[in-house]
Amino acid sequence: MILVDSSVWIDFFNQHHSPANLKLIELLQDGTVTVGVADLVVFEVLRGFRNDQALLQAQDFLLDLPTVEIGGIANALRAAEHDRALRA
């Protein structure tokens, strides 16, 4: 399994074509390697969304991937929600 860093996911969701993002897209399309995400990376990525619909789409996408638990996915989702609310 390849765990992808938050900076690459942020580029992915913002459609920035960095070399790392292009490799991620290749890995996702190829399917021969499992791409995963750490729960704290889910927090780091989701906290930056301003649009609720885009947030939900990204959340669904990320939660469909294998998740490595560091602090707990429920904690990561709750922390992202709190962070977004405090910045609103």
N, C-alpha and C. Protein backbone atom coordinates (compact mmCIF):
# COMPACT_ATOMS: atom_id res chain seq x y z
N MET A 1 0.85 -1.17 0.00
CA MET A 1 0.00 0.00 0.00
C MET A 1 0.90 1.24 0.00
N ILE A 2 0.48 2.24 -0.77
CA ILE A 2 1.15 3.53 -0.78
C ILE A 2 0.26 4.52 -0.05
N LEU A 3 0.80 5.12 1.01
CA LEU A 3 0.08 6.18 1.73
C LEU A 3 0.46 7.51 1.10
N VAL A 4 -0.53 8.30 0.76
CA VAL A 4 -0.31 9.56 0.06
C VAL A 4 -0.43 10.72 1.04
N ASP A 5 0.53 11.64 0.96
CA ASP A 5 0.59 12.80 1.84
C ASP A 5 -0.51 13.80 1.51
N SER A 6 -0.85 14.61 2.50
CA SER A 6 -1.92 15.60 2.33
C SER A 6 -1.62 16.59 1.21
N SER A 7 -0.37 16.99 1.03
CA SER A 7 -0.06 17.96 -0.02
C SER A 7 -0.40 17.42 -1.40
N VAL A 8 -0.22 16.13 -1.59
CA VAL A 8 -0.55 15.52 -2.89
C VAL A 8 -2.06 15.46 -3.07
N TRP A 9 -2.79 15.09 -2.01
CA TRP A 9 -4.25 15.06 -2.10
C TRP A 9 -4.81 16.46 -2.34
N ILE A 10 -4.22 17.46 -1.72
CA ILE A 10 -4.69 18.83 -1.93
C ILE A 10 -4.50 19.22 -3.39
N ASP A 11 -3.34 18.90 -3.96
CA ASP A 11 -3.13 19.14 -5.40
C ASP A 11 -4.13 18.36 -6.23
N PHE A 12 -4.41 17.12 -5.82
CA PHE A 12 -5.36 16.27 -6.55
C PHE A 12 -6.74 16.92 -6.59
N PHE A 13 -7.24 17.35 -5.46
CA PHE A 13 -8.58 17.93 -5.41
C PHE A 13 -8.64 19.33 -6.02
N ASN A 14 -7.51 20.03 -6.04
CA ASN A 14 -7.46 21.34 -6.69
C ASN A 14 -7.07 21.25 -8.16
N GLN A 15 -6.87 20.03 -8.64
CA GLN A 15 -6.51 19.75 -10.03
C GLN A 15 -5.23 20.47 -10.46
N HIS A 16 -4.26 20.53 -9.54
CA HIS A 16 -2.93 21.04 -9.87
C HIS A 16 -2.11 19.86 -10.40
N HIS A 17 -1.44 20.07 -11.47
CA HIS A 17 -0.74 18.96 -12.13
C HIS A 17 0.74 18.90 -11.73
N SER A 18 0.97 18.77 -10.44
CA SER A 18 2.33 18.58 -9.93
C SER A 18 2.79 17.18 -10.30
N PRO A 19 4.10 16.94 -10.33
CA PRO A 19 4.58 15.59 -10.63
C PRO A 19 4.01 14.53 -9.67
N ALA A 20 3.92 14.86 -8.40
CA ALA A 20 3.38 13.89 -7.43
C ALA A 20 1.91 13.61 -7.70
N ASN A 21 1.16 14.64 -8.05
CA ASN A 21 -0.27 14.45 -8.34
C ASN A 21 -0.45 13.61 -9.60
N LEU A 22 0.37 13.87 -10.62
CA LEU A 22 0.27 13.07 -11.84
C LEU A 22 0.57 11.60 -11.55
N LYS A 23 1.52 11.34 -10.67
CA LYS A 23 1.83 9.96 -10.28
C LYS A 23 0.65 9.35 -9.52
N LEU A 24 0.03 10.13 -8.63
CA LEU A 24 -1.14 9.64 -7.90
C LEU A 24 -2.26 9.27 -8.88
N ILE A 25 -2.53 10.12 -9.83
CA ILE A 25 -3.57 9.83 -10.82
C ILE A 25 -3.24 8.54 -11.56
N GLU A 26 -1.98 8.38 -11.93
CA GLU A 26 -1.54 7.16 -12.62
C GLU A 26 -1.78 5.93 -11.74
N LEU A 27 -1.42 6.02 -10.47
CA LEU A 27 -1.62 4.89 -9.55
C LEU A 27 -3.09 4.56 -9.36
N LEU A 28 -3.93 5.58 -9.24
CA LEU A 28 -5.36 5.36 -9.06
C LEU A 28 -5.98 4.71 -10.29
N GLN A 29 -5.54 5.13 -11.47
CA GLN A 29 -6.09 4.58 -12.71
C GLN A 29 -5.57 3.18 -12.98
N ASP A 30 -4.30 2.94 -12.65
CA ASP A 30 -3.66 1.66 -12.90
C ASP A 30 -4.27 0.55 -12.06
N GLY A 31 -4.43 0.81 -10.77
CA GLY A 31 -5.08 -0.16 -9.89
C GLY A 31 -4.22 -1.32 -9.46
N THR A 32 -2.96 -1.37 -9.87
CA THR A 32 -2.11 -2.50 -9.46
C THR A 32 -1.51 -2.30 -8.08
N VAL A 33 -1.53 -1.07 -7.59
CA VAL A 33 -1.02 -0.75 -6.26
C VAL A 33 -2.17 -0.15 -5.45
N THR A 34 -2.29 -0.58 -4.21
CA THR A 34 -3.32 -0.01 -3.34
C THR A 34 -2.86 1.36 -2.86
N VAL A 35 -3.73 2.35 -3.03
CA VAL A 35 -3.48 3.70 -2.55
C VAL A 35 -4.30 3.90 -1.29
N GLY A 36 -3.65 4.31 -0.22
CA GLY A 36 -4.34 4.50 1.04
C GLY A 36 -4.12 5.89 1.59
N VAL A 37 -4.78 6.15 2.71
CA VAL A 37 -4.71 7.46 3.34
C VAL A 37 -4.72 7.28 4.85
N ALA A 38 -3.90 8.07 5.53
CA ALA A 38 -3.92 8.07 7.00
C ALA A 38 -5.06 8.97 7.47
N ASP A 39 -5.67 8.62 8.59
CA ASP A 39 -6.80 9.41 9.08
C ASP A 39 -6.44 10.87 9.34
N LEU A 40 -5.22 11.14 9.80
CA LEU A 40 -4.82 12.52 10.03
C LEU A 40 -4.65 13.29 8.72
N VAL A 41 -4.32 12.58 7.65
CA VAL A 41 -4.26 13.21 6.33
C VAL A 41 -5.66 13.58 5.88
N VAL A 42 -6.64 12.74 6.19
CA VAL A 42 -8.04 13.08 5.88
C VAL A 42 -8.40 14.40 6.54
N PHE A 43 -8.03 14.57 7.81
CA PHE A 43 -8.27 15.84 8.50
C PHE A 43 -7.60 16.99 7.78
N GLU A 44 -6.31 16.85 7.48
CA GLU A 44 -5.55 17.93 6.86
C GLU A 44 -6.15 18.35 5.52
N VAL A 45 -6.64 17.38 4.77
CA VAL A 45 -7.21 17.68 3.45
C VAL A 45 -8.59 18.32 3.59
N LEU A 46 -9.46 17.72 4.40
CA LEU A 46 -10.84 18.20 4.49
C LEU A 46 -10.96 19.56 5.14
N ARG A 47 -10.05 19.90 6.02
CA ARG A 47 -10.14 21.19 6.72
C ARG A 47 -10.01 22.37 5.76
N GLY A 48 -9.44 22.16 4.59
CA GLY A 48 -9.23 23.26 3.66
C GLY A 48 -10.38 23.55 2.72
N PHE A 49 -11.38 22.70 2.70
CA PHE A 49 -12.50 22.91 1.77
C PHE A 49 -13.40 24.04 2.25
N ARG A 50 -13.77 24.90 1.32
CA ARG A 50 -14.68 26.00 1.63
C ARG A 50 -16.11 25.65 1.20
N ASN A 51 -16.23 24.83 0.18
CA ASN A 51 -17.52 24.47 -0.38
C ASN A 51 -17.99 23.14 0.22
N ASP A 52 -19.20 23.13 0.79
CA ASP A 52 -19.72 21.93 1.45
C ASP A 52 -19.88 20.75 0.50
N GLN A 53 -20.35 21.00 -0.72
CA GLN A 53 -20.55 19.91 -1.68
C GLN A 53 -19.21 19.30 -2.07
N ALA A 54 -18.22 20.14 -2.33
CA ALA A 54 -16.89 19.63 -2.68
C ALA A 54 -16.29 18.86 -1.50
N LEU A 55 -16.53 19.35 -0.30
CA LEU A 55 -16.06 18.66 0.90
C LEU A 55 -16.65 17.26 0.98
N LEU A 56 -17.94 17.14 0.79
CA LEU A 56 -18.59 15.83 0.89
C LEU A 56 -18.10 14.88 -0.19
N GLN A 57 -17.88 15.39 -1.40
CA GLN A 57 -17.36 14.55 -2.48
C GLN A 57 -15.96 14.05 -2.15
N ALA A 58 -15.12 14.96 -1.65
CA ALA A 58 -13.75 14.57 -1.28
C ALA A 58 -13.77 13.58 -0.12
N GLN A 59 -14.62 13.83 0.86
CA GLN A 59 -14.73 12.94 2.01
C GLN A 59 -15.15 11.54 1.56
N ASP A 60 -16.16 11.45 0.72
CA ASP A 60 -16.60 10.15 0.21
C ASP A 60 -15.47 9.44 -0.53
N PHE A 61 -14.74 10.20 -1.36
CA PHE A 61 -13.64 9.62 -2.13
C PHE A 61 -12.57 9.07 -1.19
N LEU A 62 -12.15 9.89 -0.23
CA LEU A 62 -11.08 9.48 0.68
C LEU A 62 -11.50 8.31 1.56
N LEU A 63 -12.74 8.31 2.01
CA LEU A 63 -13.19 7.23 2.90
C LEU A 63 -13.42 5.92 2.17
N ASP A 64 -13.44 5.96 0.84
CA ASP A 64 -13.51 4.72 0.06
C ASP A 64 -12.15 4.04 -0.04
N LEU A 65 -11.09 4.77 0.30
CA LEU A 65 -9.74 4.21 0.26
C LEU A 65 -9.44 3.49 1.57
N PRO A 66 -8.50 2.56 1.54
CA PRO A 66 -8.05 1.98 2.80
C PRO A 66 -7.48 3.08 3.69
N THR A 67 -7.88 3.07 4.95
CA THR A 67 -7.47 4.12 5.88
C THR A 67 -6.58 3.52 6.97
N VAL A 68 -5.44 4.15 7.19
CA VAL A 68 -4.55 3.76 8.28
C VAL A 68 -4.88 4.64 9.47
N GLU A 69 -5.19 3.99 10.58
CA GLU A 69 -5.62 4.73 11.76
C GLU A 69 -4.42 5.18 12.59
N ILE A 70 -4.37 6.48 12.82
CA ILE A 70 -3.35 7.07 13.68
C ILE A 70 -4.03 7.66 14.92
N GLY A 71 -5.02 8.49 14.68
CA GLY A 71 -5.75 9.11 15.78
C GLY A 71 -7.22 8.73 15.80
N GLY A 72 -7.65 8.01 14.79
CA GLY A 72 -9.05 7.61 14.66
C GLY A 72 -9.77 8.45 13.62
N ILE A 73 -10.44 7.79 12.68
CA ILE A 73 -11.10 8.51 11.59
C ILE A 73 -12.23 9.40 12.11
N ALA A 74 -12.95 8.95 13.13
CA ALA A 74 -14.02 9.79 13.69
C ALA A 74 -13.45 11.08 14.26
N ASN A 75 -12.31 10.99 14.93
CA ASN A 75 -11.65 12.19 15.46
C ASN A 75 -11.19 13.11 14.34
N ALA A 76 -10.66 12.53 13.28
CA ALA A 76 -10.18 13.33 12.15
C ALA A 76 -11.33 14.07 11.48
N LEU A 77 -12.46 13.39 11.27
CA LEU A 77 -13.62 14.03 10.64
C LEU A 77 -14.18 15.13 11.54
N ARG A 78 -14.26 14.86 12.82
CA ARG A 78 -14.77 15.86 13.77
C ARG A 78 -13.83 17.07 13.84
N ALA A 79 -12.54 16.84 13.84
CA ALA A 79 -11.57 17.93 13.89
C ALA A 79 -11.66 18.80 12.64
N ALA A 80 -11.84 18.19 11.47
CA ALA A 80 -11.99 18.96 10.24
C ALA A 80 -13.25 19.81 10.29
N GLU A 81 -14.33 19.24 10.80
CA GLU A 81 -15.59 19.98 10.93
C GLU A 81 -15.42 21.18 11.86
N HIS A 82 -14.77 20.96 13.00
CA HIS A 82 -14.56 22.05 13.96
C HIS A 82 -13.66 23.14 13.36
N ASP A 83 -12.61 22.73 12.68
CA ASP A 83 -11.69 23.69 12.08
C ASP A 83 -12.39 24.56 11.05
N ARG A 84 -13.20 23.94 10.20
CA ARG A 84 -13.95 24.70 9.18
C ARG A 84 -14.94 25.65 9.84
N ALA A 85 -15.60 25.21 10.90
CA ALA A 85 -16.58 26.06 11.59
C ALA A 85 -15.91 27.26 12.24
N LEU A 86 -14.74 27.07 12.79
CA LEU A 86 -14.03 28.17 13.44
C LEU A 86 -13.54 29.21 12.44
N ARG A 87 -13.28 28.78 11.21
CA ARG A 87 -12.82 29.71 10.18
C ARG A 87 -13.96 30.38 9.44
N ALA A 88 -15.18 29.93 9.66
CA ALA A 88 -16.33 30.48 8.92
C ALA A 88 -16.72 31.86 9.42
